Amino acid sequence: MPSTISPEAQKWLDSLARLKYGPQTLAERRATTDKWRAEDSAEARKLFPVNVEEKMMGGVRTDVITPLDIPEANRACALINLHGGGFNSDSGSLIEGVPIANLAKMEVVSVYYRLAPENPFPLAVDDVVAVYKELLKDHKPQNIGIFGTSAGGILTAEVAVKLKQSGLPLPAALGLFSVLADFSQPGDSQSMFALNGLPGDLSGHAPGKRLSGEYAPNTDPRDPVLSPLYADLRGLPPSLLVTSTRDILLSNTTILHRALLRAGTDSQLVVYEALPHAFWYHFQLPETRETLELMAKFFEQKVGPRAP
């Protein structure tokens, strides 16, 4: 057990080692994530009070998350949040959107994009682009940010490339939290860690298995929208990338960060100690509060009134 993390994080890591792991059917996975999401969304709303209103935007279902008190200068701002869940379930929408809305004092639009395998790539990308276009009707692009974790972070990068290819104005900032930008080959961390870090099932990452799976079964894994590592990344918005040293997507996040730097973009990378994938979904950790405040500050600086 690492002594370099908080006692709360040590206790959490210990609990992860005691869980039982094994393959799940898609129905079992969705039932599990739906139950967990409902519980943690309720906790998020207790810790970070906001208003939530379901709304159709561009033909896509969303939750519009509004802080109880929005500074006048922030009323023109909006953040788009894309949930995690491996593209085939929803493991994070309000869990991530609620704290950021509360801390950044900005409206957050949480997008319920279509899920695979019923709706494979690029339909999720199309849904987010539709929401973005709808926001452009009453928001300037320099007052819009897009962010997400895991599948949501991957989708954030994919949408940014799609917007650039389409000639649409780009948003002011991207939050790329634990991401993958190359579906053609696994990163080193995928052969070392499971979703919960050291404990867990690695069978889903067997050599030769297609990384894009049912999300993009018929797309070239080096397609520049599916795998933004192969896109022209020049001119993309400022980005914040967050990962941790036991994150299954640690390698992929750092690879994308280096590619953004090579392209000359403003990109920041923060790596946390000893914690597994998407640890910031767990509110009992002091590290989670620190991470959420870091994310919120980034959007305040890049999208809010303090933005250049």
Protein backbone atom coordinates (compact mmCIF):
# COMPACT_ATOMS: atom_id res chain seq x y z
CA MET A 1 0.00 0.00 0.00
CA PRO A 2 1.59 3.32 -1.04
CA SER A 3 2.15 5.82 1.75
CA THR A 4 2.23 8.69 -0.76
CA ILE A 5 -1.55 9.01 -1.00
CA SER A 6 -4.23 10.02 1.50
CA PRO A 7 -5.50 7.59 4.16
CA GLU A 8 -8.88 7.68 2.42
CA ALA A 9 -7.26 6.66 -0.86
CA GLN A 10 -5.33 3.88 0.87
CA LYS A 11 -8.57 2.55 2.33
CA TRP A 12 -10.22 2.69 -1.09
CA LEU A 13 -7.36 0.82 -2.78
CA ASP A 14 -7.59 -1.85 -0.10
CA SER A 15 -11.32 -2.25 -0.76
CA LEU A 16 -10.71 -2.65 -4.50
CA ALA A 17 -8.40 -5.57 -3.85
CA ARG A 18 -11.22 -7.36 -2.02
CA LEU A 19 -13.75 -7.17 -4.87
CA LYS A 20 -14.60 -10.13 -7.08
CA TYR A 21 -13.80 -9.63 -10.76
CA GLY A 22 -14.95 -11.38 -13.90
CA PRO A 23 -16.55 -10.82 -17.29
CA GLN A 24 -20.05 -9.31 -17.54
CA THR A 25 -22.71 -9.42 -20.18
CA LEU A 26 -23.72 -6.06 -21.64
CA ALA A 27 -27.01 -6.19 -19.76
CA GLU A 28 -25.19 -6.88 -16.48
CA ARG A 29 -22.73 -4.07 -17.16
CA ARG A 30 -25.47 -1.57 -17.87
CA ALA A 31 -27.44 -2.60 -14.80
CA THR A 32 -24.33 -2.21 -12.64
CA THR A 33 -23.35 1.17 -14.05
CA ASP A 34 -26.93 2.48 -13.89
CA LYS A 35 -27.18 1.58 -10.20
CA TRP A 36 -23.78 3.04 -9.36
CA ARG A 37 -24.43 6.18 -11.40
CA ALA A 38 -27.76 6.82 -9.69
CA GLU A 39 -26.20 6.50 -6.23
CA ASP A 40 -23.16 8.65 -6.98
CA SER A 41 -25.16 11.25 -8.89
CA ALA A 42 -27.32 11.69 -5.80
CA GLU A 43 -24.19 12.06 -3.66
CA ALA A 44 -22.75 14.60 -6.11
CA ARG A 45 -25.89 16.72 -5.88
CA LYS A 46 -25.70 16.71 -2.08
CA LEU A 47 -22.05 17.76 -2.03
CA PHE A 48 -22.30 20.19 -4.95
CA PRO A 49 -25.81 21.71 -5.06
CA VAL A 50 -27.07 22.58 -8.55
CA ASN A 51 -30.26 22.64 -10.58
CA VAL A 52 -30.76 19.95 -13.22
CA GLU A 53 -33.23 20.17 -16.09
CA GLU A 54 -33.68 17.59 -18.83
CA LYS A 55 -33.74 19.22 -22.26
CA MET A 56 -33.58 18.14 -25.91
CA MET A 57 -30.81 19.94 -27.80
CA GLY A 58 -30.26 19.34 -31.49
CA GLY A 59 -32.47 16.27 -31.21
CA VAL A 60 -30.30 14.80 -28.43
CA ARG A 61 -31.33 14.28 -24.80
CA THR A 62 -29.28 16.30 -22.35
CA ASP A 63 -29.27 17.39 -18.73
CA VAL A 64 -28.67 21.11 -18.32
CA ILE A 65 -26.87 21.56 -15.00
CA THR A 66 -27.04 25.07 -13.59
CA PRO A 67 -25.22 26.39 -10.50
CA LEU A 68 -27.44 27.91 -7.83
CA ASP A 69 -25.53 31.15 -8.25
CA ILE A 70 -23.94 32.12 -11.58
CA PRO A 71 -21.76 35.25 -11.76
CA GLU A 72 -23.04 37.65 -14.40
CA ALA A 73 -19.84 37.24 -16.43
CA ASN A 74 -20.37 33.45 -16.59
CA ARG A 75 -23.92 33.58 -17.93
CA ALA A 76 -22.63 33.51 -21.48
CA CYS A 77 -20.54 30.37 -20.82
CA ALA A 78 -21.41 26.71 -21.29
CA LEU A 79 -19.50 23.48 -20.86
CA ILE A 80 -20.41 20.24 -22.61
CA ASN A 81 -19.83 17.11 -20.52
CA LEU A 82 -19.50 13.67 -22.12
CA HIS A 83 -19.87 10.74 -19.73
CA GLY A 84 -17.70 7.67 -19.48
CA GLY A 85 -18.79 4.05 -19.65
CA GLY A 86 -16.87 2.37 -22.45
CA PHE A 87 -19.23 3.81 -25.09
CA ASN A 88 -21.78 1.11 -24.20
CA SER A 89 -23.09 2.37 -20.85
CA ASP A 90 -23.36 5.56 -18.82
CA SER A 91 -21.06 5.52 -15.82
CA GLY A 92 -20.63 9.18 -15.15
CA SER A 93 -22.87 11.89 -16.62
CA LEU A 94 -24.11 13.81 -13.57
CA ILE A 95 -21.29 12.47 -11.41
CA GLU A 96 -18.84 14.59 -13.37
CA GLY A 97 -21.04 17.40 -14.64
CA VAL A 98 -22.56 18.38 -11.29
CA PRO A 99 -19.29 19.12 -9.41
CA ILE A 100 -17.78 21.05 -12.34
CA ALA A 101 -20.92 23.17 -12.73
CA ASN A 102 -20.88 23.94 -9.01
CA LEU A 103 -17.16 24.70 -8.77
CA ALA A 104 -16.69 26.55 -12.07
CA LYS A 105 -19.99 28.42 -11.60
CA MET A 106 -20.94 27.65 -15.21
CA GLU A 107 -23.76 25.88 -16.96
CA VAL A 108 -22.88 22.31 -17.92
CA VAL A 109 -24.76 20.43 -20.63
CA SER A 110 -24.44 16.70 -20.01
CA VAL A 111 -25.04 14.79 -23.24
CA TYR A 112 -26.72 11.39 -23.40
CA TYR A 113 -25.13 10.37 -26.68
CA ARG A 114 -26.20 7.16 -28.40
CA LEU A 115 -24.47 4.03 -27.13
CA ALA A 116 -22.78 1.12 -28.88
CA PRO A 117 -23.17 -1.61 -29.96
CA GLU A 118 -26.65 -0.56 -31.09
CA ASN A 119 -25.28 2.77 -32.32
CA PRO A 120 -21.65 2.43 -33.42
CA PHE A 121 -19.17 5.14 -34.37
CA PRO A 122 -19.61 7.86 -35.56
CA LEU A 123 -23.15 8.27 -34.17
CA ALA A 124 -21.99 9.40 -30.71
CA VAL A 125 -19.73 11.97 -32.38
CA ASP A 126 -22.67 13.16 -34.49
CA ASP A 127 -24.82 13.60 -31.37
CA VAL A 128 -22.25 15.79 -29.64
CA VAL A 129 -21.70 17.88 -32.77
CA ALA A 130 -25.48 18.43 -32.95
CA VAL A 131 -25.53 19.68 -29.35
CA TYR A 132 -22.52 21.91 -30.00
CA LYS A 133 -24.19 23.45 -33.07
CA GLU A 134 -27.28 24.14 -30.98
CA LEU A 135 -25.18 25.91 -28.33
CA LEU A 136 -23.52 28.02 -31.03
CA LYS A 137 -26.89 29.63 -31.72
CA ASP A 138 -26.69 31.60 -28.48
CA HIS A 139 -23.07 31.16 -27.32
CA LYS A 140 -19.80 32.31 -28.79
CA PRO A 141 -17.33 29.45 -29.38
CA GLN A 142 -14.80 31.18 -27.10
CA ASN A 143 -17.31 30.71 -24.27
CA ILE A 144 -17.80 26.97 -24.77
CA GLY A 145 -15.70 24.11 -23.40
CA ILE A 146 -16.00 20.34 -23.88
CA PHE A 147 -14.81 17.73 -21.39
CA GLY A 148 -15.19 14.12 -20.37
CA THR A 149 -13.59 11.14 -18.69
CA SER A 150 -12.58 7.83 -20.28
CA ALA A 151 -15.00 7.21 -23.18
CA GLY A 152 -16.20 10.78 -22.67
CA GLY A 153 -12.64 12.09 -22.88
CA ILE A 154 -11.98 10.05 -26.02
CA LEU A 155 -15.20 11.40 -27.51
CA THR A 156 -14.13 14.95 -26.60
CA ALA A 157 -10.97 14.57 -28.70
CA GLU A 158 -12.90 12.93 -31.53
CA VAL A 159 -15.47 15.74 -31.58
CA ALA A 160 -12.73 18.38 -31.63
CA VAL A 161 -11.17 16.76 -34.72
CA LYS A 162 -14.58 16.42 -36.37
CA LEU A 163 -15.37 20.10 -35.74
CA LYS A 164 -12.05 21.10 -37.26
CA GLN A 165 -12.59 18.89 -40.30
CA SER A 166 -16.09 20.38 -40.75
CA GLY A 167 -14.81 23.95 -40.65
CA LEU A 168 -16.89 24.79 -37.60
CA PRO A 169 -15.53 27.25 -35.01
CA LEU A 170 -13.67 25.38 -32.29
CA PRO A 171 -14.51 25.62 -28.59
CA ALA A 172 -12.29 27.50 -26.17
CA ALA A 173 -11.02 24.51 -24.19
CA LEU A 174 -10.92 20.72 -23.98
CA GLY A 175 -10.87 18.59 -20.84
CA LEU A 176 -9.33 15.23 -21.81
CA PHE A 177 -9.49 13.17 -18.66
CA SER A 178 -8.01 9.66 -18.91
CA VAL A 179 -8.18 9.24 -22.67
CA LEU A 180 -7.13 7.10 -25.60
CA ALA A 181 -6.35 8.60 -29.01
CA ASP A 182 -5.06 5.57 -30.90
CA PHE A 183 -7.31 2.55 -31.41
CA SER A 184 -4.73 0.84 -33.61
CA GLN A 185 -2.46 -0.38 -30.81
CA PRO A 186 -2.60 -0.68 -27.01
CA GLY A 187 -0.48 1.44 -24.73
CA ASP A 188 1.84 -0.12 -22.17
CA SER A 189 -0.47 0.63 -19.23
CA GLN A 190 -3.26 -1.45 -20.82
CA SER A 191 -1.15 -4.58 -20.42
CA MET A 192 -0.40 -3.76 -16.77
CA PHE A 193 -3.58 -2.37 -15.23
CA ALA A 194 -7.27 -3.17 -15.10
CA LEU A 195 -9.98 -0.56 -14.60
CA ASN A 196 -9.33 -0.66 -10.84
CA GLY A 197 -5.57 -0.58 -11.23
CA LEU A 198 -3.67 -3.61 -9.96
CA PRO A 199 -6.67 -5.83 -9.11
CA GLY A 200 -9.07 -6.81 -11.86
CA ASP A 201 -9.57 -8.66 -15.12
CA LEU A 202 -7.08 -8.15 -17.98
CA SER A 203 -8.74 -10.60 -20.38
CA GLY A 204 -10.43 -7.77 -22.26
CA HIS A 205 -7.02 -6.54 -23.40
CA ALA A 206 -5.66 -9.77 -24.88
CA PRO A 207 -3.05 -9.34 -27.64
CA GLY A 208 -4.64 -9.03 -31.06
CA LYS A 209 -8.06 -8.01 -29.74
CA ARG A 210 -9.52 -5.03 -31.59
CA LEU A 211 -9.37 -2.04 -29.22
CA SER A 212 -12.36 -0.26 -30.70
CA GLY A 213 -14.49 -3.38 -30.16
CA GLU A 214 -18.18 -2.84 -30.73
CA TYR A 215 -17.77 0.95 -30.63
CA ALA A 216 -16.24 1.09 -34.12
CA PRO A 217 -16.19 -2.44 -35.54
CA ASN A 218 -16.11 -1.38 -39.19
CA THR A 219 -13.88 1.69 -39.05
CA ASP A 220 -10.17 1.83 -39.83
CA PRO A 221 -8.56 2.09 -36.38
CA ARG A 222 -6.32 4.85 -37.77
CA ASP A 223 -9.25 6.93 -38.97
CA PRO A 224 -8.32 10.45 -37.81
CA VAL A 225 -11.66 11.09 -36.08
CA LEU A 226 -11.79 7.71 -34.34
CA SER A 227 -8.09 7.94 -33.42
CA PRO A 228 -7.15 11.63 -33.17
CA LEU A 229 -3.46 10.74 -32.85
CA TYR A 230 -3.54 10.44 -36.67
CA ALA A 231 -5.34 13.76 -37.20
CA ASP A 232 -3.91 17.21 -37.80
CA LEU A 233 -3.91 18.50 -34.22
CA ARG A 234 -2.58 21.95 -35.08
CA GLY A 235 -4.83 24.75 -33.89
CA LEU A 236 -6.85 22.66 -31.46
CA PRO A 237 -8.05 24.47 -28.32
CA PRO A 238 -6.05 24.55 -25.07
CA SER A 239 -6.40 21.23 -23.29
CA LEU A 240 -6.04 19.80 -19.81
CA LEU A 241 -5.20 16.10 -19.57
CA VAL A 242 -5.50 14.26 -16.25
CA THR A 243 -4.48 10.70 -15.43
CA SER A 244 -2.84 8.69 -12.64
CA THR A 245 -0.04 6.18 -12.25
CA ARG A 246 -2.33 3.13 -12.00
CA ASP A 247 -4.68 4.29 -14.73
CA ILE A 248 -5.33 1.76 -17.48
CA LEU A 249 -5.16 4.71 -19.92
CA LEU A 250 -2.05 6.32 -18.43
CA SER A 251 0.06 5.52 -21.51
CA ASN A 252 -2.59 6.70 -23.95
CA THR A 253 -3.15 9.97 -22.12
CA THR A 254 0.56 10.79 -22.11
CA ILE A 255 0.90 9.81 -25.78
CA LEU A 256 -1.88 12.23 -26.75
CA HIS A 257 -0.34 14.97 -24.62
CA ARG A 258 2.99 14.66 -26.44
CA ALA A 259 1.21 14.72 -29.80
CA LEU A 260 -0.59 17.92 -28.84
CA LEU A 261 2.70 19.48 -27.79
CA ARG A 262 4.30 18.48 -31.08
CA ALA A 263 1.40 20.16 -32.86
CA GLY A 264 2.12 23.38 -30.98
CA THR A 265 -1.07 23.44 -28.95
CA ASP A 266 -1.44 24.66 -25.38
CA SER A 267 -1.63 21.37 -23.47
CA GLN A 268 -1.25 20.63 -19.76
CA LEU A 269 -0.81 17.16 -18.24
CA VAL A 270 -1.39 16.32 -14.57
CA VAL A 271 -0.58 12.80 -13.30
CA TYR A 272 -1.74 11.72 -9.86
CA GLU A 273 0.02 9.23 -7.66
CA ALA A 274 -0.96 5.55 -7.24
CA LEU A 275 -4.65 5.90 -8.14
CA PRO A 276 -6.59 3.95 -10.78
CA HIS A 277 -8.77 4.96 -13.68
CA ALA A 278 -11.20 7.88 -13.17
CA PHE A 279 -10.58 8.06 -9.42
CA TRP A 280 -12.21 11.53 -9.38
CA TYR A 281 -15.62 9.83 -9.53
CA HIS A 282 -15.10 8.84 -5.87
CA PHE A 283 -15.99 11.75 -3.61
CA GLN A 284 -14.58 10.32 -0.39
CA LEU A 285 -11.02 10.99 -1.59
CA PRO A 286 -9.23 14.28 -0.85
CA GLU A 287 -7.50 13.75 -4.19
CA THR A 288 -10.91 13.92 -5.89
CA ARG A 289 -11.68 17.36 -4.49
CA GLU A 290 -8.25 18.58 -5.57
CA THR A 291 -8.77 17.21 -9.08
CA LEU A 292 -12.25 18.65 -9.51
CA GLU A 293 -11.05 22.07 -8.36
CA LEU A 294 -8.13 21.82 -10.82
CA MET A 295 -10.54 21.03 -13.66
CA ALA A 296 -12.92 23.83 -12.69
CA LYS A 297 -10.08 26.36 -12.48
CA PHE A 298 -8.92 25.38 -15.96
CA PHE A 299 -12.34 26.16 -17.41
CA GLU A 300 -12.57 29.40 -15.45
CA GLN A 301 -9.28 30.48 -17.01
CA LYS A 302 -9.99 29.32 -20.57
CA VAL A 303 -13.76 29.78 -20.94
CA GLY A 304 -14.84 32.15 -18.19
CA PRO A 305 -14.39 35.91 -17.76
CA ARG A 306 -10.69 35.46 -16.95
CA ALA A 307 -10.07 33.84 -20.33
CA PRO A 308 -7.72 35.77 -22.65
